[in-house]
Protein backbone atom coordinates (compact mmCIF):
# COMPACT_ATOMS: atom_id res chain seq x y z
CA MET A 1 144.13 108.52 256.29
CA ARG A 2 147.09 106.68 257.72
CA SER A 3 149.87 108.78 259.21
CA ALA A 4 153.63 108.44 259.57
CA VAL A 5 156.25 110.35 261.53
CA ILE A 6 159.84 110.23 260.27
CA VAL A 7 162.69 111.39 262.52
CA GLY A 8 165.80 112.36 260.58
CA ALA A 9 165.79 114.10 257.20
CA GLY A 10 168.75 112.39 255.61
CA PRO A 11 168.27 110.89 252.14
CA ASN A 12 166.93 107.61 253.57
CA GLY A 13 164.39 109.29 255.83
CA LEU A 14 163.27 111.62 253.04
CA THR A 15 162.94 108.74 250.59
CA ALA A 16 160.76 106.83 253.03
CA ALA A 17 158.66 109.94 253.63
CA ALA A 18 158.27 110.58 249.89
CA ARG A 19 157.24 106.98 249.19
CA LEU A 20 154.62 107.06 251.94
CA ALA A 21 153.34 110.47 250.89
CA ARG A 22 152.82 109.23 247.33
CA GLU A 23 150.85 106.29 248.72
CA GLY A 24 148.45 108.67 250.43
CA TRP A 25 149.87 108.75 253.94
CA LYS A 26 149.92 111.93 256.00
CA VAL A 27 153.65 112.45 256.54
CA SER A 28 155.56 114.60 259.03
CA VAL A 29 159.37 114.73 259.03
CA TYR A 30 161.41 116.08 261.95
CA GLU A 31 165.04 117.19 261.56
CA ALA A 32 167.28 118.52 264.34
CA ARG A 33 169.41 120.63 262.02
CA SER A 34 168.38 123.80 260.24
CA THR A 35 168.75 122.15 256.83
CA ILE A 36 167.59 118.82 255.50
CA GLY A 37 169.70 116.32 253.61
CA GLY A 38 172.25 114.88 256.03
CA GLY A 39 175.14 113.61 253.91
CA SER A 40 173.46 114.68 250.67
CA ARG A 41 173.97 118.42 251.04
CA THR A 42 175.79 120.99 248.90
CA ALA A 43 177.31 124.19 250.31
CA GLU A 44 179.71 127.04 249.54
CA LEU A 45 182.47 125.70 251.76
CA ILE A 46 185.42 127.79 250.55
CA GLU A 47 184.46 130.53 248.08
CA THR A 48 181.18 132.28 247.37
CA GLY A 49 179.58 130.83 244.28
CA VAL A 50 181.60 127.59 244.35
CA HIS A 51 179.42 124.69 245.43
CA HIS A 52 180.89 121.60 247.13
CA ASP A 53 179.12 118.40 248.06
CA VAL A 54 179.47 117.95 251.81
CA CYS A 55 179.63 114.16 251.53
CA ALA A 56 178.63 112.02 248.55
CA ALA A 57 179.13 113.58 245.13
CA VAL A 58 178.78 110.75 242.60
CA HIS A 59 175.69 108.56 242.56
CA PRO A 60 175.66 105.29 240.61
CA ALA A 61 173.39 103.82 243.29
CA GLY A 62 171.10 106.84 243.09
CA ALA A 63 170.79 106.60 239.32
CA SER A 64 169.90 102.89 239.62
CA SER A 65 167.69 103.24 242.71
CA VAL A 66 164.35 101.50 242.40
CA ALA A 67 162.91 103.88 245.01
CA PHE A 68 164.12 106.98 243.18
CA ARG A 69 162.71 105.74 239.88
CA SER A 70 159.33 105.14 241.49
CA LEU A 71 159.31 108.72 242.79
CA ARG A 72 160.02 110.26 239.35
CA LEU A 73 162.45 112.72 240.84
CA GLU A 74 163.26 114.15 237.41
CA GLU A 75 159.75 115.66 237.45
CA HIS A 76 160.80 117.50 240.62
CA GLY A 77 163.96 119.07 239.25
CA LEU A 78 166.59 116.35 239.57
CA ARG A 79 168.87 115.94 236.56
CA TRP A 80 171.63 113.34 236.39
CA VAL A 81 174.72 114.52 234.51
CA GLN A 82 177.11 111.94 233.09
CA PRO A 83 180.87 112.42 232.67
CA GLU A 84 182.35 110.99 229.48
CA VAL A 85 183.93 108.15 231.47
CA PRO A 86 182.34 106.73 234.67
CA LEU A 87 185.53 105.78 236.56
CA VAL A 88 189.31 105.77 236.19
CA HIS A 89 191.98 104.11 238.36
CA PRO A 90 195.37 105.61 237.34
CA LEU A 91 198.44 103.38 237.53
CA GLY A 92 201.17 105.79 236.44
CA GLY A 93 201.70 107.56 233.14
CA GLU A 94 198.95 106.72 230.65
CA ARG A 95 198.29 103.34 232.29
CA ALA A 96 194.94 103.11 234.04
CA GLY A 97 192.09 100.76 234.75
CA VAL A 98 189.14 102.41 233.01
CA LEU A 99 185.46 101.61 233.51
CA TYR A 100 183.63 102.81 230.41
CA ARG A 101 179.87 102.99 230.15
CA SER A 102 180.18 100.59 227.24
CA LEU A 103 181.07 97.05 228.22
CA ASP A 104 182.69 96.59 224.80
CA ASP A 105 184.93 99.65 225.29
CA THR A 106 185.96 98.44 228.75
CA VAL A 107 186.78 94.99 227.39
CA ALA A 108 188.83 96.47 224.55
CA ALA A 109 190.84 98.69 226.92
CA LEU A 110 191.91 95.89 229.28
CA PRO A 111 195.20 94.20 228.31
CA GLY A 112 195.68 90.58 227.32
CA ARG A 113 192.77 88.24 227.95
CA ASP A 114 191.52 90.27 230.91
CA GLY A 115 188.96 91.96 228.69
CA ALA A 116 187.37 88.62 227.84
CA ARG A 117 187.41 87.68 231.53
CA TRP A 118 185.74 90.99 232.44
CA ARG A 119 183.02 90.26 229.89
CA ARG A 120 182.42 86.77 231.32
CA LEU A 121 182.08 88.27 234.78
CA MET A 122 179.79 91.15 233.82
CA GLN A 123 177.77 90.24 230.72
CA PRO A 124 175.32 87.71 232.26
CA LEU A 125 174.60 90.04 235.18
CA LEU A 126 174.28 93.11 232.99
CA GLU A 127 171.53 91.39 231.00
CA ASP A 128 169.55 91.02 234.25
CA PHE A 129 170.56 94.37 235.76
CA ASP A 130 167.03 95.71 236.30
CA TYR A 131 166.07 92.58 238.19
CA LEU A 132 169.29 92.55 240.22
CA THR A 133 168.86 96.16 241.36
CA GLY A 134 165.47 95.30 242.80
CA PHE A 135 166.79 92.05 244.24
CA THR A 136 169.79 93.65 245.98
CA GLN A 137 167.97 96.79 247.12
CA GLY A 138 165.07 94.95 248.72
CA PRO A 139 164.77 92.56 251.68
CA LEU A 140 166.61 89.31 250.95
CA ILE A 141 163.72 87.13 252.08
CA GLY A 142 161.41 84.77 250.26
CA VAL A 143 161.94 82.98 246.96
CA PRO A 144 163.68 85.09 244.26
CA ARG A 145 161.44 85.92 241.32
CA ASN A 146 164.36 85.12 239.00
CA PRO A 147 166.32 82.40 240.80
CA VAL A 148 168.79 81.92 237.93
CA ALA A 149 169.85 85.58 237.91
CA ALA A 150 169.93 85.66 241.72
CA ALA A 151 172.14 82.56 241.79
CA GLN A 152 174.48 83.93 239.11
CA PHE A 153 174.97 87.08 241.13
CA GLY A 154 175.20 85.32 244.48
CA LEU A 155 177.85 82.86 243.31
CA ARG A 156 180.03 85.80 242.27
CA ALA A 157 179.11 88.26 245.03
CA VAL A 158 179.92 86.04 248.00
CA TRP A 159 183.65 86.01 247.26
CA PRO A 160 186.20 88.36 248.80
CA ALA A 161 187.82 90.79 246.37
CA THR A 162 191.11 88.97 246.97
CA VAL A 163 189.59 85.87 245.36
CA LEU A 164 187.85 87.60 242.43
CA ARG A 165 191.08 89.38 241.50
CA ARG A 166 192.55 85.98 240.57
CA MET A 167 190.36 86.01 237.48
CA PHE A 168 192.66 88.68 236.05
CA ARG A 169 196.34 88.77 235.18
CA HIS A 170 197.10 92.47 234.69
CA ASP A 171 197.12 95.45 237.04
CA GLU A 172 194.49 97.39 235.09
CA ALA A 173 191.64 94.94 235.70
CA GLN A 174 192.79 93.94 239.18
CA ALA A 175 193.11 97.56 240.33
CA LEU A 176 189.75 98.47 238.81
CA LEU A 177 188.08 95.68 240.79
CA GLY A 178 190.02 96.51 243.96
CA GLY A 179 189.10 100.18 243.90
CA LEU A 180 185.42 99.31 243.43
CA ALA A 181 185.55 96.78 246.28
CA ALA A 182 187.24 99.31 248.59
CA HIS A 183 183.94 101.20 248.77
CA SER A 184 182.87 98.44 251.18
CA CYS A 185 185.03 99.96 253.94
CA LEU A 186 186.23 96.47 254.78
CA PRO A 187 189.48 94.58 254.32
CA MET A 188 189.70 93.09 250.84
CA ASN A 189 189.79 89.52 252.18
CA ARG A 190 186.30 89.73 253.70
CA PRO A 191 183.37 87.90 252.09
CA PHE A 192 181.11 89.96 249.83
CA THR A 193 183.71 92.69 249.20
CA GLY A 194 184.05 91.34 245.70
CA GLY A 195 180.28 91.44 245.35
CA LEU A 196 180.08 95.13 246.18
CA GLY A 197 182.79 95.89 243.65
CA LEU A 198 180.94 93.80 241.11
CA MET A 199 177.67 95.67 241.68
CA LEU A 200 179.32 99.09 241.43
CA GLY A 201 180.96 98.01 238.18
CA LEU A 202 177.63 96.82 236.82
CA MET A 203 176.10 100.18 237.71
CA GLY A 204 178.83 101.92 235.76
CA HIS A 205 177.95 99.93 232.65
CA ALA A 206 174.18 100.12 233.11
CA VAL A 207 173.51 103.66 234.39
CA GLY A 208 176.93 105.33 234.61
CA TRP A 209 178.45 107.11 237.60
CA PRO A 210 176.62 110.44 237.34
CA VAL A 211 176.53 113.56 239.47
CA ALA A 212 173.39 115.53 240.27
CA GLU A 213 173.32 118.82 238.41
CA GLY A 214 173.90 121.66 240.85
CA GLY A 215 175.11 119.31 243.58
CA SER A 216 173.85 116.42 245.67
CA GLN A 217 171.50 118.87 247.39
CA SER A 218 169.41 118.58 244.21
CA ILE A 219 168.50 115.02 245.19
CA VAL A 220 167.29 116.19 248.58
CA ASP A 221 165.40 119.12 247.07
CA ALA A 222 163.61 116.76 244.69
CA LEU A 223 162.64 114.43 247.54
CA ALA A 224 161.37 117.40 249.56
CA SER A 225 159.35 118.54 246.55
CA VAL A 226 157.66 115.13 246.32
CA ILE A 227 156.77 115.27 250.02
CA ARG A 228 155.38 118.80 249.85
CA SER A 229 153.45 118.09 246.65
CA HIS A 230 151.52 115.48 248.62
CA ASP A 231 150.91 117.82 251.57
CA GLY A 232 153.67 116.35 253.70
CA GLU A 233 155.33 118.44 256.40
CA LEU A 234 159.08 119.09 256.94
CA HIS A 235 160.07 120.45 260.36
CA THR A 236 163.67 121.64 260.74
CA ASP A 237 165.40 122.84 263.94
CA HIS A 238 163.27 120.29 265.77
CA GLU A 239 165.36 117.88 267.81
CA VAL A 240 163.42 114.93 269.17
CA MET A 241 164.74 114.04 272.63
CA ASP A 242 162.12 111.43 273.52
CA LEU A 243 159.94 109.35 271.22
CA ARG A 244 157.02 109.92 273.55
CA ASP A 245 157.09 113.59 272.52
CA LEU A 246 156.17 112.73 268.94
CA PRO A 247 152.61 113.13 267.74
CA SER A 248 150.52 109.99 267.53
CA ALA A 249 150.94 108.16 264.23
CA ASP A 250 150.28 104.79 262.62
CA ALA A 251 153.99 104.39 261.90
CA VAL A 252 157.20 105.91 263.23
CA LEU A 253 160.37 105.64 261.12
CA LEU A 254 163.78 106.59 262.51
CA ASP A 255 166.62 107.61 260.19
CA LEU A 256 169.06 107.59 263.09
CA ALA A 257 172.07 105.82 264.54
CA PRO A 258 171.32 102.91 266.93
CA ARG A 259 172.57 104.69 270.04
CA GLN A 260 170.37 107.68 269.27
CA LEU A 261 167.39 105.35 269.40
CA VAL A 262 168.45 104.13 272.85
CA ALA A 263 168.79 107.71 274.10
CA MET A 264 165.33 108.60 272.76
CA SER A 265 163.56 105.48 274.00
CA GLY A 266 162.70 106.84 277.43
CA GLY A 267 164.27 103.86 279.19
CA ARG A 268 162.38 101.26 277.18
CA LEU A 269 165.64 99.93 275.72
CA ASP A 270 167.68 99.87 278.91
CA GLY A 271 167.44 96.09 279.27
CA TRP A 272 168.14 93.17 276.97
CA ARG A 273 166.08 94.64 274.12
CA GLY A 274 168.47 97.53 273.79
CA ARG A 275 171.65 95.47 274.04
CA PRO A 276 172.24 95.15 270.26
CA TYR A 277 171.78 98.90 269.84
CA ARG A 278 174.16 99.77 272.67
CA ARG A 279 176.79 97.36 271.35
CA PHE A 280 176.62 98.68 267.80
CA ARG A 281 180.00 99.83 266.50
CA HIS A 282 180.32 102.24 263.60
CA GLY A 283 182.58 101.39 260.69
CA TRP A 284 185.46 103.37 259.28
CA SER A 285 185.44 107.11 258.92
CA ALA A 286 187.05 109.36 256.32
CA CYS A 287 189.49 112.24 256.13
CA LYS A 288 188.06 114.48 253.39
CA VAL A 289 189.64 117.54 251.82
CA ASP A 290 187.80 120.04 249.60
CA TYR A 291 189.55 122.12 246.94
CA VAL A 292 188.78 125.05 244.67
CA LEU A 293 190.91 124.82 241.53
CA SER A 294 191.77 127.47 238.96
CA GLY A 295 191.53 124.87 236.21
CA PRO A 296 190.88 121.18 235.66
CA MET A 297 193.26 118.85 237.47
CA PRO A 298 196.06 117.99 234.98
CA TRP A 299 196.10 114.24 235.52
CA THR A 300 198.80 112.38 233.62
CA ALA A 301 196.41 109.72 232.29
CA SER A 302 194.22 111.36 229.66
CA GLU A 303 191.14 109.32 230.56
CA ALA A 304 191.38 110.67 234.12
CA ARG A 305 190.61 114.12 232.77
CA ARG A 306 187.28 112.85 231.33
CA THR A 307 185.79 111.36 234.50
CA ALA A 308 184.18 112.72 237.66
CA THR A 309 185.51 109.83 239.79
CA LEU A 310 189.04 108.56 240.33
CA HIS A 311 190.49 105.86 242.54
CA LEU A 312 194.09 106.64 243.50
CA GLY A 313 195.78 103.64 245.01
CA GLY A 314 198.09 101.89 242.60
CA PRO A 315 197.81 98.14 241.97
CA PHE A 316 195.43 95.85 243.84
CA SER A 317 198.04 94.85 246.42
CA GLU A 318 198.55 98.48 247.43
CA VAL A 319 194.81 99.06 247.84
CA GLU A 320 194.55 95.86 249.85
CA GLN A 321 197.39 96.91 252.14
CA SER A 322 195.96 100.40 252.65
CA GLU A 323 192.57 99.09 253.77
CA ALA A 324 194.14 96.42 255.99
CA ILE A 325 196.08 99.13 257.85
CA VAL A 326 192.85 101.04 258.52
CA GLN A 327 191.28 97.88 259.92
CA ARG A 328 194.23 97.61 262.33
CA GLY A 329 193.63 101.18 263.53
CA GLY A 330 196.12 103.15 261.43
CA VAL A 331 196.52 105.02 258.16
CA GLY A 332 199.17 103.98 255.65
CA ALA A 333 201.79 106.23 254.11
CA ARG A 334 200.10 105.68 250.72
CA PRO A 335 196.38 105.47 251.48
CA PHE A 336 193.74 104.52 248.95
CA VAL A 337 192.19 107.85 247.91
CA LEU A 338 188.81 108.47 246.32
CA VAL A 339 188.52 111.64 244.24
CA ALA A 340 185.44 113.43 242.90
CA GLN A 341 185.79 116.26 240.37
CA PRO A 342 182.13 117.10 239.66
CA THR A 343 182.73 120.17 237.52
CA VAL A 344 184.17 117.90 234.80
CA ALA A 345 180.54 116.92 234.15
CA ASP A 346 178.64 119.77 235.81
CA PRO A 347 180.07 123.27 235.24
CA THR A 348 177.04 124.86 236.97
CA ARG A 349 178.71 124.30 240.35
CA ALA A 350 181.34 127.01 239.91
CA PRO A 351 181.87 130.24 237.94
CA VAL A 352 184.09 130.34 234.88
CA GLY A 353 187.71 129.80 235.92
CA ARG A 354 186.86 127.73 238.98
CA HIS A 355 186.56 123.97 239.47
CA THR A 356 185.67 121.83 242.47
CA LEU A 357 187.41 118.68 243.65
CA TRP A 358 187.30 116.68 246.84
CA ALA A 359 189.38 113.75 247.97
CA TYR A 360 189.20 111.43 250.94
CA CYS A 361 190.79 108.33 252.36
CA HIS A 362 189.52 105.89 254.95
CA VAL A 363 190.62 106.34 258.55
CA PRO A 364 189.61 104.50 261.73
CA ASN A 365 186.35 105.68 263.26
CA GLY A 366 186.92 108.66 265.53
CA SER A 367 190.47 109.23 264.29
CA PRO A 368 191.76 112.78 264.88
CA LEU A 369 194.45 112.42 262.18
CA ASN A 370 194.71 115.03 259.45
CA VAL A 371 196.29 113.13 256.56
CA THR A 372 195.95 115.83 253.91
CA ASP A 373 199.64 115.51 253.01
CA ARG A 374 199.26 111.77 252.32
CA ILE A 375 196.14 112.35 250.25
CA GLU A 376 197.83 115.02 248.15
CA ALA A 377 200.88 112.82 247.61
CA GLN A 378 198.59 110.40 245.76
CA PHE A 379 197.61 113.13 243.27
CA ASP A 380 200.89 112.48 241.48
CA ARG A 381 199.58 109.20 240.11
């Protein structure tokens, strides 16, 4: 039997371990913390009985994941819960860019001819969505199995969001695209930012923007169940200081940051081989605020009260400016804010009379700024 050692029990490490375990490998996972999951954990952060996602809360990429589908996580307790509306980008009053699960509903809600333009952008790719998820989630090497679909996506995806926005004339469609592209954590004028926004929009139409019932920890628990059901081992409170301390295995997989690898290499990456790892620079960070509410957030736009995900940032130009300021090392007075309100779709996370909400904005990596006041000012959208 082949064996594998995985260091780091975040969702990527656990997914790799689960895939290998299902293929008959003897798997051992080592995690320095007392709990597994990394950024996919759920905890009672403020009040007993009220469960908050520590990091990610909404999972369009999880619901469309080829790896997750192959693992049949639903058989291990995972249940995706869909809000009525995948995503809303309020623009003041009842105006909002709304991403509906239905492409037709989204097209009908966009003003002027922007609906028809949205359909031209999305429809051909939506028809090949299953292929495109595999294509974009796998190594981009070799000849595409469906070169026409790959080319259709590539010709759209390569553009910066600032270029794709020119397809539209009204704030609703432009803001919807800009908020999706802002998940790239890059300035809007960078190549491929439009492509990321495009893919997230496609996910909304194809699989929705669901939450995991009970919290994102449910994803981790399902992955752990797959591993254990195939006799895999999970070791917590086990910090690996040197790779030479690991048991012998046919494969070693590291769900770690590059500099951690250098520190654990026992000097083997001190020279030119380790230079790319030592020079690695992390991207933007986030200032995140968690809330316990006594009732649902009373958003002005009615559709915003039917979704688990909101983008608060005004028109495209305001989102673009906010992200450009972060790239320059600052935080704007009106930052682009991402909001998750999971209890809109999943009331199991809190007792009757309580609701959870978190909000965050991008900040430069390592920033000590607490910008809670700026985040909360955006709630008035």
